C-alpha atoms as a PDB file:
ATOM      1  CA  MET A   1      97.892 168.015  51.613  1.00  0.00           C
ATOM      2  CA  ASP A   2      95.389 166.237  53.856  1.00  0.00           C
ATOM      3  CA  PRO A   3      94.628 162.849  52.204  1.00  0.00           C
ATOM      4  CA  ASN A   4      91.051 163.137  53.443  1.00  0.00           C
ATOM      5  CA  GLN A   5      90.527 166.455  51.634  1.00  0.00           C
ATOM      6  CA  ARG A   6      88.922 165.948  48.208  1.00  0.00           C
ATOM      7  CA  ASP A   7      90.022 167.846  45.137  1.00  0.00           C
ATOM      8  CA  PRO A   8      86.940 169.777  43.858  1.00  0.00           C
ATOM      9  CA  GLY A   9      88.387 169.770  40.321  1.00  0.00           C
ATOM     10  CA  PHE A  10      88.523 165.971  40.284  1.00  0.00           C
ATOM     11  CA  ALA A  11      84.951 165.715  41.589  1.00  0.00           C
ATOM     12  CA  ARG A  12      83.693 167.963  38.753  1.00  0.00           C
ATOM     13  CA  PHE A  13      85.688 165.920  36.234  1.00  0.00           C
ATOM     14  CA  ALA A  14      84.287 162.625  37.551  1.00  0.00           C
ATOM     15  CA  PHE A  15      80.734 163.988  37.543  1.00  0.00           C
ATOM     16  CA  THR A  16      81.138 165.206  33.928  1.00  0.00           C
ATOM     17  CA  VAL A  17      82.528 161.853  32.755  1.00  0.00           C
ATOM     18  CA  ILE A  18      79.739 159.900  34.448  1.00  0.00           C
ATOM     19  CA  THR A  19      77.066 162.226  33.030  1.00  0.00           C
ATOM     20  CA  ILE A  20      78.449 161.938  29.487  1.00  0.00           C
ATOM     21  CA  ALA A  21      78.671 158.152  29.811  1.00  0.00           C
ATOM     22  CA  LEU A  22      75.028 157.928  30.928  1.00  0.00           C
ATOM     23  CA  VAL A  23      73.884 160.138  28.038  1.00  0.00           C
ATOM     24  CA  VAL A  24      75.826 158.029  25.517  1.00  0.00           C
ATOM     25  CA  VAL A  25      74.440 154.766  26.916  1.00  0.00           C
ATOM     26  CA  THR A  26      70.876 156.144  26.912  1.00  0.00           C
ATOM     27  CA  LEU A  27      71.164 157.373  23.319  1.00  0.00           C
ATOM     28  CA  GLY A  28      72.721 154.084  22.238  1.00  0.00           C
ATOM     29  CA  LEU A  29      69.945 152.024  23.798  1.00  0.00           C
ATOM     30  CA  THR A  30      67.331 154.315  22.244  1.00  0.00           C
ATOM     31  CA  ALA A  31      68.899 153.890  18.802  1.00  0.00           C
ATOM     32  CA  ILE A  32      69.052 150.106  19.182  1.00  0.00           C
ATOM     33  CA  TYR A  33      65.413 150.018  20.245  1.00  0.00           C
ATOM     34  CA  TYR A  34      64.387 152.121  17.234  1.00  0.00           C
ATOM     35  CA  VAL A  35      66.261 149.966  14.725  1.00  0.00           C
ATOM     36  CA  PHE A  36      65.076 146.676  16.114  1.00  0.00           C
ATOM     37  CA  GLN A  37      61.711 147.556  17.645  1.00  0.00           C
ATOM     38  CA  ALA A  38      59.781 145.629  15.005  1.00  0.00           C
ATOM     39  CA  GLY A  39      62.405 143.048  14.197  1.00  0.00           C
ATOM     40  CA  GLY A  40      64.337 140.489  16.162  1.00  0.00           C
ATOM     41  CA  PRO A  41      63.720 136.954  17.352  1.00  0.00           C
ATOM     42  CA  ALA A  42      60.342 135.507  16.505  1.00  0.00           C
ATOM     43  CA  THR A  43      57.536 135.659  19.015  1.00  0.00           C
ATOM     44  CA  THR A  44      54.028 134.747  17.911  1.00  0.00           C
ATOM     45  CA  GLY A  45      52.224 137.849  19.182  1.00  0.00           C
ATOM     46  CA  ARG A  46      54.740 140.365  17.827  1.00  0.00           C
ATOM     47  CA  ALA A  47      54.897 138.633  14.437  1.00  0.00           C
ATOM     48  CA  ALA A  48      51.106 138.595  14.086  1.00  0.00           C
ATOM     49  CA  ASN A  49      50.856 142.314  14.876  1.00  0.00           C
ATOM     50  CA  ILE A  50      53.482 143.288  12.308  1.00  0.00           C
ATOM     51  CA  LEU A  51      52.115 141.045   9.560  1.00  0.00           C
ATOM     52  CA  ARG A  52      48.663 142.633   9.767  1.00  0.00           C
ATOM     53  CA  ASN A  53      50.095 145.360   7.539  1.00  0.00           C
ATOM     54  CA  ARG A  54      50.922 143.079   4.610  1.00  0.00           C
ATOM     55  CA  PRO A  55      50.479 144.771   1.224  1.00  0.00           C
ATOM     56  CA  SER A  56      47.379 143.833  -0.763  1.00  0.00           C
ATOM     57  CA  LEU A  57      48.646 142.560  -4.120  1.00  0.00           C
ATOM     58  CA  PRO A  58      47.503 140.003  -6.711  1.00  0.00           C
ATOM     59  CA  PRO A  59      48.641 136.424  -5.878  1.00  0.00           C
ATOM     60  CA  ASN A  60      51.356 136.441  -8.566  1.00  0.00           C
ATOM     61  CA  GLN A  61      52.935 139.673  -7.298  1.00  0.00           C
ATOM     62  CA  ALA A  62      55.090 140.480  -4.287  1.00  0.00           C
ATOM     63  CA  MET A  63      56.300 143.618  -2.533  1.00  0.00           C
ATOM     64  CA  LEU A  64      60.077 143.297  -2.540  1.00  0.00           C
ATOM     65  CA  TYR A  65      62.356 145.497  -0.461  1.00  0.00           C
ATOM     66  CA  TYR A  66      65.317 147.311  -1.984  1.00  0.00           C
ATOM     67  CA  THR A  67      67.172 150.448  -0.908  1.00  0.00           C
ATOM     68  CA  LYS A  68      67.693 153.917  -2.347  1.00  0.00           C
ATOM     69  CA  ASP A  69      69.836 155.540   0.306  1.00  0.00           C
ATOM     70  CA  GLY A  70      71.471 152.648   2.161  1.00  0.00           C
ATOM     71  CA  LYS A  71      69.506 153.594   5.286  1.00  0.00           C
ATOM     72  CA  GLN A  72      65.980 152.353   4.641  1.00  0.00           C
ATOM     73  CA  LEU A  73      64.174 149.636   2.691  1.00  0.00           C
ATOM     74  CA  VAL A  74      61.697 150.696   0.030  1.00  0.00           C
ATOM     75  CA  GLY A  75      58.910 148.407  -1.169  1.00  0.00           C
ATOM     76  CA  SER A  76      58.534 147.817  -4.891  1.00  0.00           C
ATOM     77  CA  PRO A  77      55.836 145.535  -6.372  1.00  0.00           C
ATOM     78  CA  VAL A  78      57.184 142.812  -8.673  1.00  0.00           C
ATOM     79  CA  THR A  79      55.379 140.222 -10.792  1.00  0.00           C
ATOM     80  CA  LEU A  80      56.754 136.772  -9.964  1.00  0.00           C
ATOM     81  CA  GLY A  81      55.079 134.698 -12.669  1.00  0.00           C
ATOM     82  CA  GLU A  82      51.959 132.658 -13.129  1.00  0.00           C
ATOM     83  CA  LEU A  83      49.135 132.234 -10.640  1.00  0.00           C
ATOM     84  CA  GLY A  84      48.864 129.159  -8.443  1.00  0.00           C
ATOM     85  CA  MET A  85      52.423 128.991  -7.055  1.00  0.00           C
ATOM     86  CA  ASP A  86      52.775 127.053  -3.838  1.00  0.00           C
ATOM     87  CA  PRO A  87      54.326 128.987  -0.914  1.00  0.00           C
ATOM     88  CA  THR A  88      57.771 127.413  -1.329  1.00  0.00           C
ATOM     89  CA  GLU A  89      57.940 128.309  -5.021  1.00  0.00           C
ATOM     90  CA  LYS A  90      56.783 131.845  -4.238  1.00  0.00           C
ATOM     91  CA  ALA A  91      59.503 132.117  -1.575  1.00  0.00           C
ATOM     92  CA  ARG A  92      62.114 130.886  -4.059  1.00  0.00           C
ATOM     93  CA  ARG A  93      61.042 133.455  -6.674  1.00  0.00           C
ATOM     94  CA  ILE A  94      61.057 136.258  -4.112  1.00  0.00           C
ATOM     95  CA  VAL A  95      64.654 135.566  -3.084  1.00  0.00           C
ATOM     96  CA  VAL A  96      65.795 135.124  -6.703  1.00  0.00           C
ATOM     97  CA  ALA A  97      64.224 138.490  -7.592  1.00  0.00           C
ATOM     98  CA  LEU A  98      65.937 140.133  -4.601  1.00  0.00           C
ATOM     99  CA  LEU A  99      69.294 138.715  -5.645  1.00  0.00           C
ATOM    100  CA  GLU A 100      68.841 140.003  -9.206  1.00  0.00           C
ATOM    101  CA  GLY A 101      69.029 143.507  -7.808  1.00  0.00           C
ATOM    102  CA  GLU A 102      67.723 146.768  -9.180  1.00  0.00           C
ATOM    103  CA  ARG A 103      64.048 146.807 -10.129  1.00  0.00           C
ATOM    104  CA  ASN A 104      63.389 150.524 -10.494  1.00  0.00           C
ATOM    105  CA  VAL A 105      65.546 153.505 -11.348  1.00  0.00           C
ATOM    106  CA  GLY A 106      67.519 154.543  -8.298  1.00  0.00           C
ATOM    107  CA  MET A 107      66.846 151.357  -6.320  1.00  0.00           C
ATOM    108  CA  LYS A 108      69.344 148.597  -5.667  1.00  0.00           C
ATOM    109  CA  SER A 109      69.474 145.326  -3.824  1.00  0.00           C
ATOM    110  CA  ALA A 110      70.483 145.525  -0.165  1.00  0.00           C
ATOM    111  CA  ILE A 111      71.920 142.019  -0.483  1.00  0.00           C
ATOM    112  CA  PRO A 112      75.688 141.871  -1.096  1.00  0.00           C
ATOM    113  CA  GLU A 113      76.726 141.355  -4.706  1.00  0.00           C
ATOM    114  CA  GLY A 114      77.543 137.775  -5.681  1.00  0.00           C
ATOM    115  CA  THR A 115      75.219 136.221  -3.084  1.00  0.00           C
ATOM    116  CA  SER A 116      73.303 133.216  -4.364  1.00  0.00           C
ATOM    117  CA  MET A 117      70.551 131.083  -2.895  1.00  0.00           C
ATOM    118  CA  LYS A 118      71.495 127.501  -2.111  1.00  0.00           C
ATOM    119  CA  THR A 119      68.115 126.228  -0.891  1.00  0.00           C
ATOM    120  CA  ILE A 120      64.844 127.474   0.511  1.00  0.00           C
ATOM    121  CA  PHE A 121      61.996 125.637   2.202  1.00  0.00           C
ATOM    122  CA  ILE A 122      59.115 126.198   4.577  1.00  0.00           C
ATOM    123  CA  ASN A 123      59.069 124.280   7.846  1.00  0.00           C
ATOM    124  CA  ASP A 124      55.709 124.742   9.585  1.00  0.00           C
ATOM    125  CA  LYS A 125      55.433 128.572   9.890  1.00  0.00           C
ATOM    126  CA  GLU A 126      59.114 129.271   9.307  1.00  0.00           C
ATOM    127  CA  VAL A 127      60.909 130.004   6.037  1.00  0.00           C
ATOM    128  CA  VAL A 128      64.462 128.640   6.031  1.00  0.00           C
ATOM    129  CA  VAL A 129      66.657 130.317   3.407  1.00  0.00           C
ATOM    130  CA  ASN A 130      70.203 129.091   2.833  1.00  0.00           C
ATOM    131  CA  LEU A 131      72.467 131.683   1.192  1.00  0.00           C
ATOM    132  CA  SER A 132      76.025 131.551  -0.106  1.00  0.00           C
ATOM    133  CA  SER A 133      79.078 132.828   1.769  1.00  0.00           C
ATOM    134  CA  GLN A 134      79.127 136.060  -0.267  1.00  0.00           C
ATOM    135  CA  MET A 135      76.285 137.275   1.970  1.00  0.00           C
ATOM    136  CA  VAL A 136      79.036 137.623   4.606  1.00  0.00           C
ATOM    137  CA  SER A 137      82.246 138.141   2.639  1.00  0.00           C
ATOM    138  CA  ASN A 138      80.848 140.854   0.337  1.00  0.00           C
ATOM    139  CA  LEU A 139      78.961 142.744   3.054  1.00  0.00           C
ATOM    140  CA  HIS A 140      80.357 146.280   3.403  1.00  0.00           C
ATOM    141  CA  GLY A 141      78.953 149.375   5.071  1.00  0.00           C
ATOM    142  CA  GLY A 142      78.674 148.559   8.759  1.00  0.00           C
ATOM    143  CA  VAL A 143      75.509 148.186  10.785  1.00  0.00           C
ATOM    144  CA  ASP A 144      73.212 149.897   8.248  1.00  0.00           C
ATOM    145  CA  ALA A 145      74.250 147.569   5.432  1.00  0.00           C
ATOM    146  CA  GLU A 146      73.869 144.525   7.677  1.00  0.00           C
ATOM    147  CA  VAL A 147      70.413 145.516   8.933  1.00  0.00           C
ATOM    148  CA  LEU A 148      69.192 146.181   5.379  1.00  0.00           C
ATOM    149  CA  ALA A 149      70.646 142.952   3.973  1.00  0.00           C
ATOM    150  CA  VAL A 150      69.004 140.835   6.667  1.00  0.00           C
ATOM    151  CA  TYR A 151      65.625 142.552   6.603  1.00  0.00           C
ATOM    152  CA  ALA A 152      65.432 142.804   2.806  1.00  0.00           C
ATOM    153  CA  VAL A 153      65.224 139.010   2.901  1.00  0.00           C
ATOM    154  CA  VAL A 154      63.085 138.698   6.037  1.00  0.00           C
ATOM    155  CA  ASN A 155      60.558 141.413   5.144  1.00  0.00           C
ATOM    156  CA  SER A 156      60.237 140.395   1.492  1.00  0.00           C
ATOM    157  CA  LEU A 157      59.385 136.836   2.535  1.00  0.00           C
ATOM    158  CA  LEU A 158      57.129 137.542   5.503  1.00  0.00           C
ATOM    159  CA  PHE A 159      55.121 140.367   3.956  1.00  0.00           C
ATOM    160  CA  ASN A 160      54.282 138.222   0.909  1.00  0.00           C
ATOM    161  CA  ILE A 161      53.777 134.625   1.993  1.00  0.00           C
ATOM    162  CA  ASP A 162      50.662 133.649   3.907  1.00  0.00           C
ATOM    163  CA  GLY A 163      50.953 131.273   6.831  1.00  0.00           C
ATOM    164  CA  VAL A 164      54.558 132.046   7.803  1.00  0.00           C
ATOM    165  CA  ASP A 165      55.710 134.273  10.633  1.00  0.00           C
ATOM    166  CA  SER A 166      59.504 133.952  10.825  1.00  0.00           C
ATOM    167  CA  VAL A 167      62.615 133.506   8.682  1.00  0.00           C
ATOM    168  CA  GLN A 168      65.762 131.578   9.559  1.00  0.00           C
ATOM    169  CA  ILE A 169      68.783 132.668   7.527  1.00  0.00           C
ATOM    170  CA  LEU A 170      71.525 130.091   7.015  1.00  0.00           C
ATOM    171  CA  ILE A 171      74.904 130.730   5.408  1.00  0.00           C
ATOM    172  CA  GLU A 172      76.324 127.703   3.589  1.00  0.00           C
ATOM    173  CA  ASP A 173      74.026 125.390   5.614  1.00  0.00           C
ATOM    174  CA  GLU A 174      75.113 126.872   8.951  1.00  0.00           C
ATOM    175  CA  LYS A 175      73.493 129.105  11.563  1.00  0.00           C
ATOM    176  CA  LEU A 176      75.890 131.975  12.109  1.00  0.00           C
ATOM    177  CA  PRO A 177      75.704 134.374  15.074  1.00  0.00           C
ATOM    178  CA  THR A 178      75.650 137.432  12.740  1.00  0.00           C
ATOM    179  CA  LEU A 179      76.662 138.487   9.236  1.00  0.00           C
ATOM    180  CA  GLY A 180      78.956 141.255  10.469  1.00  0.00           C
ATOM    181  CA  GLY A 181      78.611 141.530  14.224  1.00  0.00           C
ATOM    182  CA  ASN A 182      75.336 143.437  14.566  1.00  0.00           C
ATOM    183  CA  VAL A 183      72.139 141.484  13.793  1.00  0.00           C
ATOM    184  CA  ASP A 184      71.547 138.146  15.508  1.00  0.00           C
ATOM    185  CA  ILE A 185      70.690 135.643  12.751  1.00  0.00           C
ATOM    186  CA  SER A 186      71.221 132.544  14.885  1.00  0.00           C
ATOM    187  CA  VAL A 187      67.477 132.495  15.615  1.00  0.00           C
ATOM    188  CA  PRO A 188      64.373 132.864  13.404  1.00  0.00           C
ATOM    189  CA  LEU A 189      63.555 136.530  12.780  1.00  0.00           C
ATOM    190  CA  ILE A 190      60.304 138.423  12.386  1.00  0.00           C
ATOM    191  CA  ALA A 191      59.744 141.375  10.068  1.00  0.00           C
ATOM    192  CA  ASN A 192      61.058 144.847  10.870  1.00  0.00           C
ATOM    193  CA  ALA A 193      58.493 147.379   9.704  1.00  0.00           C
ATOM    194  CA  ALA A 194      60.397 150.294  11.247  1.00  0.00           C
ATOM    195  CA  ILE A 195      62.937 150.429   8.407  1.00  0.00           C
ATOM    196  CA  THR A 196      60.536 149.993   5.479  1.00  0.00           C
ATOM    197  CA  ARG A 197      58.357 152.208   3.372  1.00  0.00           C
ATOM    198  CA  THR A 198      56.482 151.802   0.096  1.00  0.00           C
ATOM    199  CA  GLY A 199      57.324 153.682  -3.083  1.00  0.00           C
END
């Protein structure tokens, strides 16, 4: 066979493989954009736009985010206590309520069981929440579980505390790259409205 003569069967095979690869890459990038379009590293303009949609609740209540189906966060209003809490105390009560778990029938915490809060404070416009190692070790369910666990914390804090626009999650006092390989938590995060709904 002439080495310069091309096999038409191989050309069709190569074209098919390349086409499938391009379709897969395009779909993958589209899915990543959808999941993270409203979340991700903090930037002032993006954070301000998202936080315009904060729920209107009395000062002693907060809209906390749980899950029903393991795919989406659902807002549920919760009374946190007396009026007049400072922002740090409100942040502490929000995370404690999230860690307690189920608030309504059929809803459960997106945060892995056994996770506890070590510390929480507000530094300028950033909430820094330090969680226990169970946030990582008890996380099961792949990318969906990881996205919901991260943004249950981030959204519940940012949609309820005035004057803050990002959340830094620490695990046992350390900045980790991710909880399970999917969501970058090494940097402060803004809210992700794309995966939340109310009621």
